[in-house]
Each structure stands twice: as C-alpha cells, then as structure tokens.
Amino acid sequence: MRKETVSTLLTYISFLVLVIGFAFMLRENTRLTVVNHRLEAELGNVSNELVESQNEAWGYKWQLHQINNDYFGDDK
C-alpha cells in the first residue's frame, strides 16, 4: 500500500473512533442526567413526606399539651 493510502486510512479510522467515543459520551451523559432527575424527584417526595410527618408530630404534641393543661392546669 502506498504511504498516502495508509495515511488516509488511519485518518478515517481515527475520525471514526472519535465519533464513536463522542456518541458514547453523549449517551452516558444523557443516562446519568435522567437518573439524576429521577433521584432528585424521589428525594423531593421523601423530603415532603418528612416535613408532613414532622408537622403532624408537632400537632399531636400541641394537642397533648392542651389536654394536659385542661386536666392538670398550667404549672408554669
């Protein structure tokens, strides 16, 4: 094979490797972005549930305090 043919062939192969590598990086980045958005949404749901549970617990504590004040009077 002539020197020009080998050089052209190597150029095409390196360009093909570059394009395939770039396509793989784009695919992996897209996959990671989707997974990240799913995890953030799941974390947001858990966070909202925790806030609701905490508010409910404070409500029960307040009600218990009111019941204790009604039965035993305010000692403070």
N, C-alpha and C. Protein backbone atom coordinates (compact mmCIF):
# COMPACT_ATOMS: atom_id res chain seq x y z
N MET A 1 0.85 -1.19 0.00
CA MET A 1 0.00 0.00 0.00
C MET A 1 0.89 1.24 0.00
N ARG A 2 0.36 2.24 -0.65
CA ARG A 2 1.11 3.48 -0.73
C ARG A 2 1.00 4.25 0.57
N LYS A 3 1.94 5.15 0.79
CA LYS A 3 2.00 5.93 2.02
C LYS A 3 0.77 6.80 2.17
N GLU A 4 0.29 7.40 1.07
CA GLU A 4 -0.89 8.26 1.11
C GLU A 4 -2.14 7.47 1.49
N THR A 5 -2.24 6.25 0.99
CA THR A 5 -3.40 5.40 1.28
C THR A 5 -3.43 5.03 2.77
N VAL A 6 -2.28 4.69 3.32
CA VAL A 6 -2.21 4.34 4.74
C VAL A 6 -2.55 5.55 5.59
N SER A 7 -2.04 6.70 5.22
CA SER A 7 -2.31 7.93 5.96
C SER A 7 -3.81 8.27 5.93
N THR A 8 -4.42 8.16 4.77
CA THR A 8 -5.86 8.43 4.64
C THR A 8 -6.67 7.43 5.43
N LEU A 9 -6.29 6.16 5.37
CA LEU A 9 -7.00 5.12 6.12
C LEU A 9 -6.90 5.35 7.63
N LEU A 10 -5.70 5.70 8.10
CA LEU A 10 -5.53 6.00 9.52
C LEU A 10 -6.34 7.23 9.94
N THR A 11 -6.44 8.21 9.08
CA THR A 11 -7.24 9.41 9.37
C THR A 11 -8.72 9.04 9.50
N TYR A 12 -9.22 8.23 8.58
CA TYR A 12 -10.62 7.81 8.64
C TYR A 12 -10.91 6.97 9.89
N ILE A 13 -9.98 6.07 10.22
CA ILE A 13 -10.18 5.22 11.40
C ILE A 13 -10.16 6.07 12.67
N SER A 14 -9.22 7.01 12.78
CA SER A 14 -9.17 7.86 13.97
C SER A 14 -10.42 8.74 14.07
N PHE A 15 -10.91 9.23 12.92
CA PHE A 15 -12.14 10.02 12.94
C PHE A 15 -13.32 9.16 13.38
N LEU A 16 -13.38 7.93 12.91
CA LEU A 16 -14.46 7.02 13.30
C LEU A 16 -14.40 6.72 14.80
N VAL A 17 -13.21 6.48 15.33
CA VAL A 17 -13.05 6.25 16.77
C VAL A 17 -13.49 7.48 17.56
N LEU A 18 -13.14 8.66 17.08
CA LEU A 18 -13.52 9.91 17.73
C LEU A 18 -15.04 10.07 17.76
N VAL A 19 -15.69 9.81 16.63
CA VAL A 19 -17.15 9.94 16.56
C VAL A 19 -17.84 8.92 17.46
N ILE A 20 -17.36 7.69 17.46
CA ILE A 20 -17.96 6.66 18.32
C ILE A 20 -17.75 7.01 19.79
N GLY A 21 -16.58 7.48 20.15
CA GLY A 21 -16.32 7.90 21.53
C GLY A 21 -17.21 9.05 21.95
N PHE A 22 -17.38 10.02 21.08
CA PHE A 22 -18.25 11.16 21.38
C PHE A 22 -19.70 10.72 21.54
N ALA A 23 -20.16 9.81 20.68
CA ALA A 23 -21.53 9.30 20.79
C ALA A 23 -21.72 8.54 22.10
N PHE A 24 -20.72 7.75 22.49
CA PHE A 24 -20.81 7.03 23.76
C PHE A 24 -20.88 8.00 24.94
N MET A 25 -20.05 9.06 24.91
CA MET A 25 -20.09 10.05 26.00
C MET A 25 -21.44 10.74 26.07
N LEU A 26 -22.03 11.09 24.94
CA LEU A 26 -23.34 11.72 24.94
C LEU A 26 -24.41 10.79 25.50
N ARG A 27 -24.35 9.52 25.12
CA ARG A 27 -25.33 8.54 25.63
C ARG A 27 -25.19 8.38 27.13
N GLU A 28 -23.97 8.27 27.61
CA GLU A 28 -23.73 8.08 29.05
C GLU A 28 -24.15 9.33 29.83
N ASN A 29 -23.86 10.50 29.30
CA ASN A 29 -24.25 11.74 29.96
C ASN A 29 -25.76 11.86 30.04
N THR A 30 -26.45 11.47 28.97
CA THR A 30 -27.91 11.52 28.97
C THR A 30 -28.48 10.55 29.99
N ARG A 31 -27.91 9.35 30.06
CA ARG A 31 -28.37 8.36 31.03
C ARG A 31 -28.18 8.87 32.45
N LEU A 32 -27.02 9.44 32.74
CA LEU A 32 -26.76 9.95 34.08
C LEU A 32 -27.66 11.13 34.43
N THR A 33 -27.98 11.96 33.44
CA THR A 33 -28.88 13.08 33.68
C THR A 33 -30.28 12.58 34.03
N VAL A 34 -30.76 11.57 33.33
CA VAL A 34 -32.08 11.01 33.61
C VAL A 34 -32.11 10.39 35.00
N VAL A 35 -31.09 9.63 35.34
CA VAL A 35 -31.02 9.01 36.67
C VAL A 35 -30.98 10.09 37.74
N ASN A 36 -30.21 11.14 37.51
CA ASN A 36 -30.10 12.22 38.48
C ASN A 36 -31.45 12.90 38.70
N HIS A 37 -32.19 13.15 37.63
CA HIS A 37 -33.51 13.79 37.77
C HIS A 37 -34.47 12.88 38.53
N ARG A 38 -34.42 11.58 38.27
CA ARG A 38 -35.28 10.65 38.99
C ARG A 38 -34.96 10.64 40.47
N LEU A 39 -33.68 10.63 40.80
CA LEU A 39 -33.28 10.63 42.21
C LEU A 39 -33.67 11.93 42.91
N GLU A 40 -33.52 13.07 42.23
CA GLU A 40 -33.93 14.34 42.81
C GLU A 40 -35.43 14.38 43.06
N ALA A 41 -36.21 13.84 42.14
CA ALA A 41 -37.66 13.81 42.32
C ALA A 41 -38.03 12.91 43.49
N GLU A 42 -37.36 11.77 43.60
CA GLU A 42 -37.62 10.85 44.70
C GLU A 42 -37.23 11.49 46.03
N LEU A 43 -36.11 12.18 46.05
CA LEU A 43 -35.66 12.86 47.27
C LEU A 43 -36.64 13.96 47.66
N GLY A 44 -37.17 14.68 46.68
CA GLY A 44 -38.16 15.71 46.96
C GLY A 44 -39.41 15.13 47.59
N ASN A 45 -39.87 13.97 47.08
CA ASN A 45 -41.05 13.32 47.65
C ASN A 45 -40.80 12.88 49.08
N VAL A 46 -39.63 12.31 49.34
CA VAL A 46 -39.29 11.87 50.69
C VAL A 46 -39.20 13.07 51.62
N SER A 47 -38.60 14.13 51.14
CA SER A 47 -38.47 15.35 51.95
C SER A 47 -39.84 15.91 52.31
N ASN A 48 -40.75 15.94 51.34
CA ASN A 48 -42.11 16.44 51.62
C ASN A 48 -42.82 15.55 52.63
N GLU A 49 -42.63 14.23 52.53
CA GLU A 49 -43.24 13.32 53.48
C GLU A 49 -42.68 13.52 54.88
N LEU A 50 -41.37 13.78 54.97
CA LEU A 50 -40.76 14.03 56.27
C LEU A 50 -41.27 15.31 56.90
N VAL A 51 -41.44 16.35 56.10
CA VAL A 51 -41.97 17.61 56.61
C VAL A 51 -43.40 17.42 57.09
N GLU A 52 -44.21 16.70 56.32
CA GLU A 52 -45.59 16.45 56.72
C GLU A 52 -45.64 15.65 58.01
N SER A 53 -44.76 14.65 58.15
CA SER A 53 -44.72 13.84 59.37
C SER A 53 -44.30 14.68 60.56
N GLN A 54 -43.33 15.56 60.37
CA GLN A 54 -42.88 16.43 61.46
C GLN A 54 -43.99 17.38 61.87
N ASN A 55 -44.70 17.94 60.91
CA ASN A 55 -45.81 18.84 61.23
C ASN A 55 -46.91 18.09 61.98
N GLU A 56 -47.17 16.87 61.56
CA GLU A 56 -48.19 16.06 62.23
C GLU A 56 -47.75 15.76 63.67
N ALA A 57 -46.47 15.45 63.87
CA ALA A 57 -45.97 15.17 65.21
C ALA A 57 -46.07 16.40 66.09
N TRP A 58 -45.75 17.57 65.57
CA TRP A 58 -45.87 18.80 66.35
C TRP A 58 -47.34 19.07 66.69
N GLY A 59 -48.23 18.74 65.76
CA GLY A 59 -49.65 18.91 66.03
C GLY A 59 -50.12 18.01 67.15
N TYR A 60 -49.67 16.75 67.15
CA TYR A 60 -50.03 15.84 68.23
C TYR A 60 -49.45 16.31 69.55
N LYS A 61 -48.23 16.82 69.53
CA LYS A 61 -47.59 17.31 70.75
C LYS A 61 -48.37 18.51 71.30
N TRP A 62 -48.79 19.39 70.41
CA TRP A 62 -49.56 20.55 70.84
C TRP A 62 -50.89 20.11 71.43
N GLN A 63 -51.57 19.14 70.78
CA GLN A 63 -52.85 18.64 71.31
C GLN A 63 -52.66 18.00 72.68
N LEU A 64 -51.60 17.22 72.85
CA LEU A 64 -51.31 16.59 74.14
C LEU A 64 -51.06 17.65 75.20
N HIS A 65 -50.34 18.68 74.85
CA HIS A 65 -50.09 19.78 75.78
C HIS A 65 -51.41 20.45 76.19
N GLN A 66 -52.30 20.65 75.21
CA GLN A 66 -53.59 21.27 75.52
C GLN A 66 -54.42 20.38 76.45
N ILE A 67 -54.41 19.07 76.19
CA ILE A 67 -55.16 18.13 77.04
C ILE A 67 -54.60 18.14 78.45
N ASN A 68 -53.27 18.12 78.56
CA ASN A 68 -52.65 18.16 79.89
C ASN A 68 -52.99 19.44 80.62
N ASN A 69 -53.00 20.56 79.91
CA ASN A 69 -53.35 21.83 80.54
C ASN A 69 -54.81 21.82 81.00
N ASP A 70 -55.69 21.21 80.22
CA ASP A 70 -57.10 21.17 80.59
C ASP A 70 -57.32 20.32 81.83
N TYR A 71 -56.63 19.19 81.96
CA TYR A 71 -56.85 18.28 83.08
C TYR A 71 -56.05 18.65 84.32
N PHE A 72 -54.82 19.09 84.11
CA PHE A 72 -53.94 19.31 85.25
C PHE A 72 -53.63 20.77 85.52
N GLY A 73 -54.07 21.65 84.68
CA GLY A 73 -53.80 23.06 84.82
C GLY A 73 -52.40 23.39 84.34
N ASP A 74 -52.14 24.67 84.18
CA ASP A 74 -50.83 25.10 83.70
C ASP A 74 -49.93 25.33 84.91
N ASP A 75 -48.89 24.49 85.04
CA ASP A 75 -48.00 24.56 86.19
C ASP A 75 -46.88 25.58 85.98
N LYS A 76 -46.78 26.15 84.85
CA LYS A 76 -45.67 27.06 84.56
C LYS A 76 -45.95 28.46 85.03
